[in-house]
Every structure is written in C-alpha cells, then in structure tokens.
C-alpha cells in the first residue's frame, strides 16, 4: 500500500474514532433513560459497559485535542509541507489509538506519540525513498523592508536550510532544539547511540550555517 493510500485510510479511521465517541455519548444517554427502573442488575451491567467505552473514547478525544497542535508543528519541521505533516500526525495518532488501553497516563501517551511520530518519519523516508522536497519553497531573498519582514525571511531561511538536511539529521536537530530534549533521550527515540546524535547534530548545524551564509 502506498503512503498516500495509508494516509487516506488513516483519515477514514480517524473520522470513525470521533464518530464512535459521539455514538457512545448518545447510546449512554439513551440507555440511562430507557431502562430506568427496569432491573438494577441489567441496567447496571449494560450502562457500565457503555460508560466504559464512552470514557475510553472521551479520554482519547481529549488527548488528541491537546497534543495534535504540538505534534503538527514538529511534523511540519520534519516534512516541510503541511499536507505531509497532517498525514504524519494522523498516522501517529492511529498508532497511539491501537495501544491506547495500555497507555494509562497522558505523559506516557504523549511520549509514545512523539517517539512514534519521529520513527515513522525516519522509517518512511528511508524505505519509501521519498523525493527530496520538491514542494520546498525557494530560499527567500533578504527583504529591504522593516524588522517584521526581516523576521519572516529569517524564519523562511531557517526552514529552507532545515529541509536541506537528511531525514535523520533533521529529526535529531528538531528533537534537540525544538523539542528541547537531551542527547540521551534523542538517541533513544531515534534508536541509535548518543555519540551518533552528537555527530549528526554537529554535521547538521554545519550544513545549515553554510546554507544560510549564502543568503546573508
């Protein structure tokens, strides 16, 4: 299955998650009203079953709402394109959903989501041999305008330089300096030795300085 097909299937499954959450609310409400006073055992068992599902779906929905913006920003730094970033985040959240029952605490779930997203990115770029960023914007000329325009150009220049890096170096830099993780945690997420992270970070920074110096 192609990455695009996987992304489309992920979007359909993601929509189903939210639909089930809404259905769970409706069914729980309906059960409570319809069986009131019928039989305590029957009512209690039936309601508990639906309440458990409702609680699970509601917690996952709240989790998605809270973490998706941050994951999307990180994914954009990795992909350099908002559409690819959305696909990466969607696939990440589907992976979280598959393991949701054992991710009992929000901190654990977020750590798992972040780790999964970076590993999906590196794996897909390595095995699918995605093209270099054909969607990348041209490196901007420095404007003659005021400080606001200068800041925008600096940001675009930084993103363009970041997109020049190989996927693993891009991931290492994003984890170290955007996510603010230490070398050991970055190495754990990218499944390599800390010394590898240090060398990749050094090479990545040197490449970015060289790229940016050409346009200053």
N, C-alpha and C. Protein backbone atom coordinates (compact mmCIF):
# COMPACT_ATOMS: atom_id res chain seq x y z
N UNK A 1 0.85 -1.20 0.00
CA UNK A 1 0.00 0.00 0.00
C UNK A 1 0.88 1.24 0.00
N UNK A 2 0.54 2.20 -0.84
CA UNK A 2 1.34 3.41 -0.96
C UNK A 2 1.15 4.31 0.24
N UNK A 3 2.11 5.23 0.51
CA UNK A 3 1.94 6.18 1.63
C UNK A 3 0.67 6.99 1.52
N UNK A 4 0.26 7.34 0.27
CA UNK A 4 -0.97 8.11 0.11
C UNK A 4 -2.19 7.29 0.49
N UNK A 5 -2.21 6.01 0.06
CA UNK A 5 -3.33 5.14 0.43
C UNK A 5 -3.40 4.96 1.93
N UNK A 6 -2.21 4.79 2.56
CA UNK A 6 -2.19 4.64 4.01
C UNK A 6 -2.72 5.89 4.70
N UNK A 7 -2.34 7.04 4.17
CA UNK A 7 -2.81 8.30 4.77
C UNK A 7 -4.31 8.43 4.63
N UNK A 8 -4.83 8.08 3.43
CA UNK A 8 -6.29 8.17 3.22
C UNK A 8 -7.03 7.23 4.14
N UNK A 9 -6.51 6.00 4.29
CA UNK A 9 -7.16 5.07 5.20
C UNK A 9 -7.09 5.57 6.63
N UNK A 10 -5.96 6.19 6.98
CA UNK A 10 -5.83 6.74 8.32
C UNK A 10 -6.84 7.82 8.58
N UNK A 11 -7.10 8.67 7.59
CA UNK A 11 -8.07 9.74 7.77
C UNK A 11 -9.46 9.16 7.98
N UNK A 12 -9.79 8.11 7.20
CA UNK A 12 -11.11 7.48 7.39
C UNK A 12 -11.23 6.87 8.79
N UNK A 13 -10.16 6.18 9.23
CA UNK A 13 -10.21 5.58 10.56
C UNK A 13 -10.27 6.64 11.64
N UNK A 14 -9.55 7.75 11.42
CA UNK A 14 -9.59 8.82 12.41
C UNK A 14 -10.97 9.40 12.54
N UNK A 15 -11.67 9.55 11.41
CA UNK A 15 -13.04 10.06 11.46
C UNK A 15 -13.95 9.09 12.21
N UNK A 16 -13.70 7.79 12.04
CA UNK A 16 -14.53 6.80 12.75
C UNK A 16 -14.33 6.90 14.25
N UNK A 17 -13.11 7.21 14.68
CA UNK A 17 -12.86 7.34 16.12
C UNK A 17 -13.78 8.40 16.71
N UNK A 18 -13.84 9.57 16.06
CA UNK A 18 -14.68 10.65 16.57
C UNK A 18 -16.16 10.30 16.47
N UNK A 19 -16.54 9.55 15.43
CA UNK A 19 -17.94 9.13 15.29
C UNK A 19 -18.31 8.19 16.42
N UNK A 20 -17.43 7.24 16.73
CA UNK A 20 -17.72 6.31 17.82
C UNK A 20 -17.83 7.04 19.15
N UNK A 21 -16.99 8.06 19.34
CA UNK A 21 -17.08 8.83 20.58
C UNK A 21 -18.45 9.50 20.68
N UNK A 22 -18.92 10.07 19.57
CA UNK A 22 -20.24 10.71 19.59
C UNK A 22 -21.34 9.68 19.78
N UNK A 23 -21.22 8.54 19.09
CA UNK A 23 -22.22 7.48 19.25
C UNK A 23 -22.25 6.98 20.68
N UNK A 24 -21.07 6.89 21.28
CA UNK A 24 -21.03 6.41 22.66
C UNK A 24 -21.80 7.33 23.59
N UNK A 25 -21.67 8.64 23.37
CA UNK A 25 -22.42 9.57 24.21
C UNK A 25 -23.92 9.38 24.03
N UNK A 26 -24.35 9.23 22.76
CA UNK A 26 -25.78 9.08 22.52
C UNK A 26 -26.31 7.79 23.12
N UNK A 27 -25.56 6.69 22.94
CA UNK A 27 -26.06 5.41 23.44
C UNK A 27 -26.09 5.39 24.96
N UNK A 28 -25.08 5.98 25.57
CA UNK A 28 -25.08 6.01 27.04
C UNK A 28 -26.28 6.79 27.55
N UNK A 29 -26.58 7.92 26.94
CA UNK A 29 -27.71 8.72 27.37
C UNK A 29 -29.01 7.97 27.17
N UNK A 30 -29.12 7.31 25.99
CA UNK A 30 -30.35 6.59 25.71
C UNK A 30 -30.58 5.43 26.65
N UNK A 31 -29.52 4.69 26.95
CA UNK A 31 -29.66 3.55 27.85
C UNK A 31 -30.11 4.00 29.22
N UNK A 32 -29.54 5.08 29.69
CA UNK A 32 -29.89 5.55 31.02
C UNK A 32 -31.35 5.92 31.12
N UNK A 33 -31.91 6.49 30.04
CA UNK A 33 -33.30 6.90 30.08
C UNK A 33 -34.24 5.74 29.85
N UNK A 34 -33.92 4.83 28.91
CA UNK A 34 -34.85 3.80 28.51
C UNK A 34 -35.03 2.72 29.56
N UNK A 35 -33.95 2.40 30.30
CA UNK A 35 -34.01 1.27 31.22
C UNK A 35 -34.15 1.69 32.67
N UNK A 36 -34.43 2.95 32.89
CA UNK A 36 -34.54 3.41 34.27
C UNK A 36 -35.70 2.68 34.95
N UNK A 37 -35.40 2.00 36.08
CA UNK A 37 -36.43 1.34 36.86
C UNK A 37 -36.77 -0.05 36.39
N UNK A 38 -36.08 -0.59 35.35
CA UNK A 38 -36.42 -1.92 34.84
C UNK A 38 -35.81 -2.99 35.72
N UNK A 39 -34.52 -2.99 35.89
CA UNK A 39 -33.87 -4.01 36.71
C UNK A 39 -32.48 -3.54 37.04
N UNK A 40 -32.14 -3.50 38.31
CA UNK A 40 -30.88 -2.90 38.70
C UNK A 40 -29.69 -3.62 38.08
N UNK A 41 -29.72 -4.99 38.11
CA UNK A 41 -28.59 -5.73 37.59
C UNK A 41 -28.42 -5.51 36.09
N UNK A 42 -29.53 -5.64 35.37
CA UNK A 42 -29.46 -5.48 33.93
C UNK A 42 -29.05 -4.07 33.57
N UNK A 43 -29.70 -3.11 34.22
CA UNK A 43 -29.38 -1.71 33.93
C UNK A 43 -27.94 -1.40 34.27
N UNK A 44 -27.51 -1.87 35.43
CA UNK A 44 -26.16 -1.56 35.88
C UNK A 44 -25.11 -2.13 34.94
N UNK A 45 -25.25 -3.39 34.55
CA UNK A 45 -24.27 -4.02 33.67
C UNK A 45 -24.24 -3.35 32.30
N UNK A 46 -25.40 -3.09 31.76
CA UNK A 46 -25.47 -2.52 30.42
C UNK A 46 -24.88 -1.10 30.41
N UNK A 47 -25.24 -0.33 31.40
CA UNK A 47 -24.75 1.05 31.46
C UNK A 47 -23.24 1.07 31.70
N UNK A 48 -22.75 0.20 32.55
CA UNK A 48 -21.32 0.17 32.83
C UNK A 48 -20.52 -0.13 31.58
N UNK A 49 -21.04 -1.05 30.76
CA UNK A 49 -20.33 -1.40 29.54
C UNK A 49 -20.20 -0.19 28.62
N UNK A 50 -21.29 0.54 28.46
CA UNK A 50 -21.26 1.71 27.59
C UNK A 50 -20.48 2.85 28.22
N UNK A 51 -20.59 3.00 29.54
CA UNK A 51 -19.84 4.05 30.22
C UNK A 51 -18.34 3.83 30.06
N UNK A 52 -17.93 2.56 30.11
CA UNK A 52 -16.50 2.27 29.97
C UNK A 52 -16.01 2.66 28.58
N UNK A 53 -16.79 2.34 27.55
CA UNK A 53 -16.41 2.69 26.19
C UNK A 53 -16.43 4.21 26.01
N UNK A 54 -17.45 4.84 26.57
CA UNK A 54 -17.56 6.29 26.47
C UNK A 54 -16.35 6.97 27.11
N UNK A 55 -15.98 6.49 28.29
CA UNK A 55 -14.85 7.08 28.98
C UNK A 55 -13.56 6.91 28.18
N UNK A 56 -13.36 5.73 27.59
CA UNK A 56 -12.17 5.47 26.79
C UNK A 56 -12.12 6.41 25.58
N UNK A 57 -13.23 6.50 24.86
CA UNK A 57 -13.26 7.36 23.67
C UNK A 57 -13.11 8.82 24.04
N UNK A 58 -13.75 9.21 25.14
CA UNK A 58 -13.67 10.61 25.56
C UNK A 58 -12.24 10.98 25.94
N UNK A 59 -11.55 10.10 26.64
CA UNK A 59 -10.17 10.38 27.03
C UNK A 59 -9.27 10.48 25.81
N UNK A 60 -9.47 9.59 24.84
CA UNK A 60 -8.65 9.65 23.65
C UNK A 60 -8.92 10.93 22.86
N UNK A 61 -10.19 11.32 22.76
CA UNK A 61 -10.54 12.54 22.05
C UNK A 61 -9.89 13.75 22.72
N UNK A 62 -9.95 13.81 24.05
CA UNK A 62 -9.31 14.92 24.77
C UNK A 62 -7.80 14.92 24.54
N UNK A 63 -7.22 13.72 24.52
CA UNK A 63 -5.79 13.61 24.28
C UNK A 63 -5.43 14.16 22.90
N UNK A 64 -6.18 13.77 21.89
CA UNK A 64 -5.92 14.24 20.52
C UNK A 64 -6.00 15.76 20.45
N UNK A 65 -7.04 16.33 21.07
CA UNK A 65 -7.21 17.78 21.05
C UNK A 65 -6.02 18.48 21.69
N UNK A 66 -5.49 17.89 22.75
CA UNK A 66 -4.42 18.56 23.50
C UNK A 66 -3.05 18.44 22.81
N UNK A 67 -2.78 17.31 22.14
CA UNK A 67 -1.43 17.09 21.63
C UNK A 67 -1.29 17.36 20.13
N UNK A 68 -2.39 17.37 19.40
CA UNK A 68 -2.28 17.48 17.95
C UNK A 68 -1.59 18.77 17.48
N UNK A 69 -1.89 19.95 18.06
CA UNK A 69 -1.21 21.15 17.58
C UNK A 69 0.32 21.07 17.70
N UNK A 70 0.80 20.59 18.84
CA UNK A 70 2.24 20.48 19.02
C UNK A 70 2.87 19.45 18.09
N UNK A 71 2.21 18.29 17.93
CA UNK A 71 2.72 17.29 17.01
C UNK A 71 2.75 17.82 15.59
N UNK A 72 1.75 18.59 15.24
CA UNK A 72 1.66 19.12 13.87
C UNK A 72 2.80 20.11 13.59
N UNK A 73 3.14 20.94 14.57
CA UNK A 73 4.25 21.87 14.38
C UNK A 73 5.56 21.12 14.20
N UNK A 74 5.78 20.10 15.02
CA UNK A 74 7.00 19.30 14.88
C UNK A 74 7.02 18.57 13.54
N UNK A 75 5.86 18.04 13.15
CA UNK A 75 5.78 17.31 11.88
C UNK A 75 6.08 18.22 10.70
N UNK A 76 5.68 19.48 10.79
CA UNK A 76 5.98 20.41 9.71
C UNK A 76 7.49 20.66 9.58
N UNK A 77 8.17 20.77 10.71
CA UNK A 77 9.62 20.93 10.66
C UNK A 77 10.28 19.71 10.02
N UNK A 78 9.71 18.55 10.25
CA UNK A 78 10.27 17.34 9.66
C UNK A 78 9.96 17.23 8.17
N UNK A 79 8.72 17.51 7.79
CA UNK A 79 8.26 17.27 6.42
C UNK A 79 8.45 18.46 5.50
N UNK A 80 8.37 19.66 6.05
CA UNK A 80 8.46 20.84 5.21
C UNK A 80 7.21 21.11 4.40
N UNK A 81 6.12 20.44 4.72
CA UNK A 81 4.88 20.60 3.97
C UNK A 81 3.73 20.28 4.91
N UNK A 82 2.71 21.15 4.93
CA UNK A 82 1.62 20.98 5.89
C UNK A 82 0.78 19.74 5.58
N UNK A 83 0.58 19.41 4.32
CA UNK A 83 -0.23 18.23 3.99
C UNK A 83 0.48 16.95 4.44
N UNK A 84 1.78 16.86 4.17
CA UNK A 84 2.53 15.70 4.64
C UNK A 84 2.59 15.66 6.16
N UNK A 85 2.69 16.83 6.77
CA UNK A 85 2.71 16.89 8.23
C UNK A 85 1.40 16.35 8.81
N UNK A 86 0.27 16.73 8.21
CA UNK A 86 -1.03 16.23 8.68
C UNK A 86 -1.12 14.72 8.53
N UNK A 87 -0.62 14.18 7.41
CA UNK A 87 -0.63 12.73 7.22
C UNK A 87 0.22 12.03 8.28
N UNK A 88 1.38 12.62 8.58
CA UNK A 88 2.26 12.03 9.59
C UNK A 88 1.61 12.04 10.97
N UNK A 89 0.98 13.14 11.32
CA UNK A 89 0.30 13.22 12.62
C UNK A 89 -0.85 12.23 12.68
N UNK A 90 -1.63 12.11 11.60
CA UNK A 90 -2.75 11.18 11.58
C UNK A 90 -2.29 9.74 11.78
N UNK A 91 -1.22 9.35 11.07
CA UNK A 91 -0.69 8.00 11.23
C UNK A 91 -0.16 7.78 12.64
N UNK A 92 0.42 8.82 13.22
CA UNK A 92 0.91 8.73 14.59
C UNK A 92 -0.22 8.50 15.57
N UNK A 93 -1.30 9.27 15.44
CA UNK A 93 -2.43 9.14 16.37
C UNK A 93 -3.14 7.80 16.20
N UNK A 94 -3.17 7.27 14.99
CA UNK A 94 -3.75 5.94 14.80
C UNK A 94 -2.91 4.88 15.52
N UNK A 95 -1.59 5.04 15.49
CA UNK A 95 -0.72 4.12 16.22
C UNK A 95 -0.96 4.22 17.72
N UNK A 96 -1.16 5.45 18.21
CA UNK A 96 -1.48 5.63 19.63
C UNK A 96 -2.80 4.96 19.98
N UNK A 97 -3.79 5.10 19.12
CA UNK A 97 -5.10 4.51 19.38
C UNK A 97 -5.01 2.99 19.49
N UNK A 98 -4.18 2.38 18.66
CA UNK A 98 -4.04 0.92 18.71
C UNK A 98 -3.50 0.44 20.05
N UNK A 99 -2.75 1.30 20.74
CA UNK A 99 -2.15 0.91 22.02
C UNK A 99 -2.74 1.71 23.19
N UNK A 100 -3.88 2.33 22.97
CA UNK A 100 -4.42 3.26 23.95
C UNK A 100 -4.71 2.60 25.29
N UNK A 101 -5.17 1.35 25.28
CA UNK A 101 -5.56 0.71 26.54
C UNK A 101 -4.39 0.50 27.49
N UNK A 102 -3.18 0.45 26.96
CA UNK A 102 -2.01 0.29 27.86
C UNK A 102 -1.27 1.59 28.11
N UNK A 103 -1.72 2.67 27.49
CA UNK A 103 -1.12 3.99 27.74
C UNK A 103 -2.00 4.71 28.75
N UNK A 104 -1.80 4.42 30.01
CA UNK A 104 -2.76 4.82 31.05
C UNK A 104 -2.67 6.28 31.42
N UNK A 105 -1.50 6.91 31.25
CA UNK A 105 -1.32 8.28 31.71
C UNK A 105 -1.01 9.20 30.54
N UNK A 106 -1.48 10.44 30.57
CA UNK A 106 -1.25 11.36 29.46
C UNK A 106 0.22 11.54 29.11
N UNK A 107 1.09 11.60 30.15
CA UNK A 107 2.50 11.79 29.89
C UNK A 107 3.08 10.60 29.12
N UNK A 108 2.64 9.40 29.48
CA UNK A 108 3.10 8.20 28.79
C UNK A 108 2.60 8.20 27.35
N UNK A 109 1.34 8.56 27.17
CA UNK A 109 0.76 8.59 25.83
C UNK A 109 1.45 9.62 24.95
N UNK A 110 1.75 10.79 25.51
CA UNK A 110 2.43 11.81 24.72
C UNK A 110 3.84 11.37 24.34
N UNK A 111 4.56 10.79 25.30
CA UNK A 111 5.91 10.30 25.00
C UNK A 111 5.88 9.24 23.91
N UNK A 112 4.89 8.36 23.98
CA UNK A 112 4.76 7.33 22.96
C UNK A 112 4.43 7.96 21.60
N UNK A 113 3.54 8.96 21.59
CA UNK A 113 3.16 9.62 20.34
C UNK A 113 4.37 10.31 19.70
N UNK A 114 5.13 11.03 20.50
CA UNK A 114 6.29 11.74 19.96
C UNK A 114 7.31 10.77 19.40
N UNK A 115 7.61 9.72 20.16
CA UNK A 115 8.57 8.72 19.69
C UNK A 115 8.09 8.07 18.41
N UNK A 116 6.81 7.71 18.38
CA UNK A 116 6.25 7.04 17.19
C UNK A 116 6.31 7.94 15.98
N UNK A 117 6.01 9.22 16.14
CA UNK A 117 6.00 10.13 15.00
C UNK A 117 7.38 10.25 14.37
N UNK A 118 8.40 10.40 15.18
CA UNK A 118 9.75 10.54 14.64
C UNK A 118 10.22 9.25 13.98
N UNK A 119 9.87 8.12 14.57
CA UNK A 119 10.28 6.85 13.98
C UNK A 119 9.55 6.58 12.67
N UNK A 120 8.27 6.93 12.60
CA UNK A 120 7.53 6.79 11.35
C UNK A 120 8.18 7.65 10.27
N UNK A 121 8.51 8.88 10.62
CA UNK A 121 9.12 9.80 9.66
C UNK A 121 10.42 9.24 9.10
N UNK A 122 11.32 8.82 9.98
CA UNK A 122 12.63 8.33 9.54
C UNK A 122 12.45 7.05 8.73
N UNK A 123 11.58 6.15 9.19
CA UNK A 123 11.37 4.88 8.50
C UNK A 123 10.78 5.10 7.12
N UNK A 124 9.77 5.95 7.02
CA UNK A 124 9.14 6.19 5.72
C UNK A 124 10.12 6.84 4.74
N UNK A 125 10.91 7.78 5.23
CA UNK A 125 11.86 8.44 4.34
C UNK A 125 12.95 7.47 3.89
N UNK A 126 13.28 6.53 4.73
CA UNK A 126 14.35 5.59 4.37
C UNK A 126 13.84 4.51 3.41
N UNK A 127 12.68 3.91 3.75
CA UNK A 127 12.22 2.76 2.98
C UNK A 127 11.44 3.15 1.72
N UNK A 128 10.67 4.22 1.80
CA UNK A 128 9.90 4.63 0.63
C UNK A 128 10.73 5.47 -0.32
N UNK A 129 11.90 5.93 0.14
CA UNK A 129 12.79 6.76 -0.67
C UNK A 129 12.03 7.95 -1.26
N UNK A 130 11.37 8.65 -0.34
CA UNK A 130 10.62 9.82 -0.78
C UNK A 130 11.55 10.78 -1.49
N UNK A 131 10.99 11.52 -2.42
CA UNK A 131 11.75 12.52 -3.15
C UNK A 131 12.26 13.58 -2.19
N UNK A 132 13.34 14.24 -2.57
CA UNK A 132 13.73 15.44 -1.85
C UNK A 132 12.63 16.46 -2.00
N UNK A 133 12.58 17.39 -1.11
CA UNK A 133 11.43 18.27 -1.02
C UNK A 133 11.19 19.05 -2.30
N UNK A 134 10.46 18.48 -3.26
CA UNK A 134 10.10 19.21 -4.47
C UNK A 134 9.12 20.32 -4.16
N UNK A 135 8.47 20.19 -2.98
CA UNK A 135 7.50 21.21 -2.59
C UNK A 135 8.17 22.35 -1.84
N UNK A 136 9.48 22.27 -1.61
CA UNK A 136 10.13 23.31 -0.82
C UNK A 136 10.07 24.65 -1.53
N UNK A 137 9.92 25.65 -0.74
CA UNK A 137 9.91 27.00 -1.31
C UNK A 137 11.33 27.41 -1.66
N UNK A 138 11.44 28.38 -2.57
CA UNK A 138 12.75 28.94 -2.86
C UNK A 138 13.27 29.66 -1.62
N UNK A 139 14.58 29.58 -1.43
CA UNK A 139 15.16 30.30 -0.31
C UNK A 139 14.94 31.79 -0.55
N UNK A 140 14.32 32.50 0.40
CA UNK A 140 13.93 33.88 0.14
C UNK A 140 15.12 34.83 0.11
N UNK A 141 14.99 35.85 -0.74
CA UNK A 141 15.95 36.95 -0.69
C UNK A 141 15.68 37.76 0.57
N UNK A 142 16.71 38.36 1.09
CA UNK A 142 16.50 39.19 2.28
C UNK A 142 15.77 40.45 1.86
N UNK A 143 14.71 40.80 2.59
CA UNK A 143 13.90 41.93 2.18
C UNK A 143 14.56 43.26 2.52
N UNK A 144 14.07 44.30 1.84
CA UNK A 144 14.55 45.65 2.14
C UNK A 144 13.64 46.34 3.13
N UNK A 145 12.63 45.64 3.60
CA UNK A 145 11.64 46.24 4.48
C UNK A 145 12.08 46.30 5.92
N UNK A 146 11.07 46.41 6.82
CA UNK A 146 11.35 46.59 8.24
C UNK A 146 11.65 45.28 8.94
N UNK A 147 11.70 45.36 10.28
CA UNK A 147 12.10 44.21 11.09
C UNK A 147 11.10 43.07 10.98
N UNK A 148 9.81 43.36 10.82
CA UNK A 148 8.82 42.29 10.70
C UNK A 148 9.07 41.44 9.49
N UNK A 149 9.32 42.08 8.35
CA UNK A 149 9.63 41.34 7.13
C UNK A 149 10.94 40.58 7.26
N UNK A 150 11.89 41.18 7.93
CA UNK A 150 13.18 40.52 8.14
C UNK A 150 13.01 39.26 8.97
N UNK A 151 12.21 39.32 10.01
CA UNK A 151 11.98 38.16 10.86
C UNK A 151 11.32 37.03 10.07
N UNK A 152 10.36 37.37 9.21
CA UNK A 152 9.69 36.36 8.40
C UNK A 152 10.69 35.70 7.45
N UNK A 153 11.53 36.53 6.82
CA UNK A 153 12.54 35.99 5.91
C UNK A 153 13.53 35.10 6.64
N UNK A 154 13.94 35.51 7.85
CA UNK A 154 14.86 34.69 8.65
C UNK A 154 14.24 33.33 8.96
N UNK A 155 12.96 33.34 9.30
CA UNK A 155 12.29 32.08 9.60
C UNK A 155 12.21 31.19 8.37
N UNK A 156 11.87 31.78 7.22
CA UNK A 156 11.80 31.01 5.98
C UNK A 156 13.18 30.49 5.59
N UNK A 157 14.19 31.28 5.81
CA UNK A 157 15.56 30.85 5.51
C UNK A 157 15.96 29.68 6.40
N UNK A 158 15.59 29.75 7.68
CA UNK A 158 15.90 28.68 8.61
C UNK A 158 15.19 27.38 8.20
N UNK A 159 13.93 27.48 7.82
CA UNK A 159 13.18 26.29 7.39
C UNK A 159 13.75 25.71 6.11
N UNK A 160 14.13 26.59 5.19
CA UNK A 160 14.72 26.11 3.93
C UNK A 160 16.03 25.38 4.20
N UNK A 161 16.85 25.92 5.10
CA UNK A 161 18.10 25.26 5.45
C UNK A 161 17.85 23.93 6.13
N UNK A 162 16.83 23.87 6.97
CA UNK A 162 16.49 22.62 7.66
C UNK A 162 16.09 21.55 6.66
N UNK A 163 15.39 21.94 5.61
CA UNK A 163 14.94 20.97 4.61
C UNK A 163 16.09 20.44 3.74
N UNK A 164 17.25 21.09 3.82
CA UNK A 164 18.42 20.60 3.10
C UNK A 164 19.05 19.38 3.78
N UNK A 165 18.66 19.12 5.01
CA UNK A 165 19.31 18.06 5.78
C UNK A 165 18.71 16.70 5.47
N UNK A 166 19.51 15.63 5.60
CA UNK A 166 18.97 14.28 5.52
C UNK A 166 17.94 14.06 6.64
N UNK A 167 17.02 13.12 6.47
CA UNK A 167 15.93 12.95 7.45
C UNK A 167 16.40 12.73 8.89
N UNK A 168 17.42 11.90 9.10
CA UNK A 168 17.84 11.62 10.47
C UNK A 168 18.48 12.85 11.11
N UNK A 169 19.25 13.61 10.34
CA UNK A 169 19.83 14.83 10.90
C UNK A 169 18.73 15.85 11.20
N UNK A 170 17.75 15.93 10.33
CA UNK A 170 16.62 16.85 10.55
C UNK A 170 15.87 16.45 11.81
N UNK A 171 15.64 15.15 11.98
CA UNK A 171 14.95 14.68 13.17
C UNK A 171 15.76 14.95 14.43
N UNK A 172 17.07 14.73 14.36
CA UNK A 172 17.93 14.96 15.53
C UNK A 172 17.91 16.43 15.94
N UNK A 173 18.03 17.33 14.96
CA UNK A 173 18.01 18.75 15.29
C UNK A 173 16.67 19.17 15.87
N UNK A 174 15.58 18.68 15.29
CA UNK A 174 14.25 19.06 15.78
C UNK A 174 14.04 18.59 17.21
N UNK A 175 14.46 17.37 17.50
CA UNK A 175 14.32 16.85 18.86
C UNK A 175 15.19 17.62 19.85
N UNK A 176 16.42 17.94 19.44
CA UNK A 176 17.34 18.59 20.37
C UNK A 176 16.97 20.05 20.63
N UNK A 177 16.61 20.78 19.58
CA UNK A 177 16.49 22.23 19.73
C UNK A 177 15.06 22.75 19.65
N UNK A 178 14.15 22.01 19.05
CA UNK A 178 12.75 22.42 19.06
C UNK A 178 12.00 21.74 20.20
N UNK A 179 12.20 20.42 20.34
CA UNK A 179 11.58 19.69 21.44
C UNK A 179 12.35 19.86 22.75
N UNK A 180 13.58 20.35 22.68
CA UNK A 180 14.43 20.62 23.85
C UNK A 180 14.72 19.34 24.63
N UNK A 181 15.03 18.26 23.93
CA UNK A 181 15.39 17.00 24.58
C UNK A 181 16.91 16.87 24.66
N UNK A 182 17.35 16.12 25.66
CA UNK A 182 18.80 15.93 25.78
C UNK A 182 19.27 14.86 24.80
N UNK A 183 20.58 14.67 24.75
CA UNK A 183 21.17 13.74 23.79
C UNK A 183 20.70 12.32 24.03
N UNK A 184 20.64 11.92 25.30
CA UNK A 184 20.26 10.54 25.62
C UNK A 184 18.83 10.23 25.17
N UNK A 185 17.90 11.14 25.46
CA UNK A 185 16.51 10.91 25.07
C UNK A 185 16.35 10.95 23.55
N UNK A 186 17.07 11.83 22.89
CA UNK A 186 17.02 11.90 21.43
C UNK A 186 17.53 10.60 20.82
N UNK A 187 18.62 10.09 21.37
CA UNK A 187 19.17 8.82 20.89
C UNK A 187 18.19 7.67 21.10
N UNK A 188 17.49 7.69 22.22
CA UNK A 188 16.50 6.64 22.50
C UNK A 188 15.38 6.67 21.46
N UNK A 189 14.88 7.86 21.15
CA UNK A 189 13.78 7.98 20.20
C UNK A 189 14.22 7.54 18.80
N UNK A 190 15.42 7.94 18.40
CA UNK A 190 15.90 7.61 17.05
C UNK A 190 16.63 6.28 16.99
N UNK A 191 16.68 5.58 18.12
CA UNK A 191 17.23 4.22 18.18
C UNK A 191 18.68 4.16 17.68
N UNK A 192 19.50 4.98 18.30
CA UNK A 192 20.92 4.99 17.96
C UNK A 192 21.72 5.37 19.20
N UNK A 193 23.03 5.39 19.07
CA UNK A 193 23.90 5.73 20.18
C UNK A 193 23.96 7.25 20.39
N UNK A 194 24.14 7.70 21.64
CA UNK A 194 24.30 9.15 21.88
C UNK A 194 25.41 9.78 21.05
N UNK A 195 26.50 9.04 20.83
CA UNK A 195 27.60 9.58 20.03
C UNK A 195 27.14 9.87 18.60
N UNK A 196 26.22 9.04 18.10
CA UNK A 196 25.68 9.27 16.75
C UNK A 196 24.87 10.55 16.70
N UNK A 197 24.09 10.79 17.75
CA UNK A 197 23.31 12.03 17.80
C UNK A 197 24.23 13.24 17.84
N UNK A 198 25.28 13.17 18.62
CA UNK A 198 26.21 14.30 18.70
C UNK A 198 26.86 14.59 17.35
N UNK A 199 27.29 13.53 16.67
CA UNK A 199 27.93 13.75 15.37
C UNK A 199 26.93 14.22 14.32
N UNK A 200 25.72 13.68 14.34
CA UNK A 200 24.70 14.13 13.39
C UNK A 200 24.32 15.58 13.63
N UNK A 201 24.21 15.95 14.89
CA UNK A 201 23.87 17.33 15.22
C UNK A 201 24.96 18.30 14.76
N UNK A 202 26.22 17.92 14.99
CA UNK A 202 27.33 18.77 14.57
C UNK A 202 27.33 18.96 13.06
N UNK A 203 27.16 17.87 12.31
CA UNK A 203 27.15 17.96 10.84
C UNK A 203 25.94 18.77 10.36
N UNK A 204 24.80 18.56 11.01
CA UNK A 204 23.59 19.26 10.60
C UNK A 204 23.73 20.77 10.80
N UNK A 205 24.25 21.17 11.93
CA UNK A 205 24.43 22.60 12.20
C UNK A 205 25.42 23.22 11.22
N UNK A 206 26.48 22.48 10.90
CA UNK A 206 27.45 23.00 9.94
C UNK A 206 26.82 23.19 8.57
N UNK A 207 25.98 22.24 8.16
CA UNK A 207 25.30 22.35 6.86
C UNK A 207 24.36 23.54 6.85
N UNK A 208 23.61 23.72 7.93
CA UNK A 208 22.67 24.83 7.98
C UNK A 208 23.38 26.17 7.97
N UNK A 209 24.50 26.28 8.68
CA UNK A 209 25.25 27.53 8.67
C UNK A 209 25.75 27.84 7.28
N UNK A 210 26.22 26.81 6.57
CA UNK A 210 26.72 27.02 5.22
C UNK A 210 25.60 27.47 4.28
N UNK A 211 24.45 26.83 4.37
CA UNK A 211 23.33 27.19 3.51
C UNK A 211 22.87 28.61 3.80
N UNK A 212 22.74 28.94 5.06
CA UNK A 212 22.24 30.25 5.44
C UNK A 212 23.23 31.37 5.12
N UNK A 213 24.54 31.05 5.20
CA UNK A 213 25.54 32.08 4.92
C UNK A 213 25.51 32.54 3.47
N UNK A 214 25.01 31.70 2.58
CA UNK A 214 24.96 32.06 1.16
C UNK A 214 23.94 33.14 0.87
N UNK A 215 22.99 33.31 1.80
CA UNK A 215 21.90 34.25 1.53
C UNK A 215 21.90 35.42 2.49
N UNK A 216 22.99 35.59 3.20
CA UNK A 216 23.05 36.72 4.15
C UNK A 216 23.85 37.87 3.55
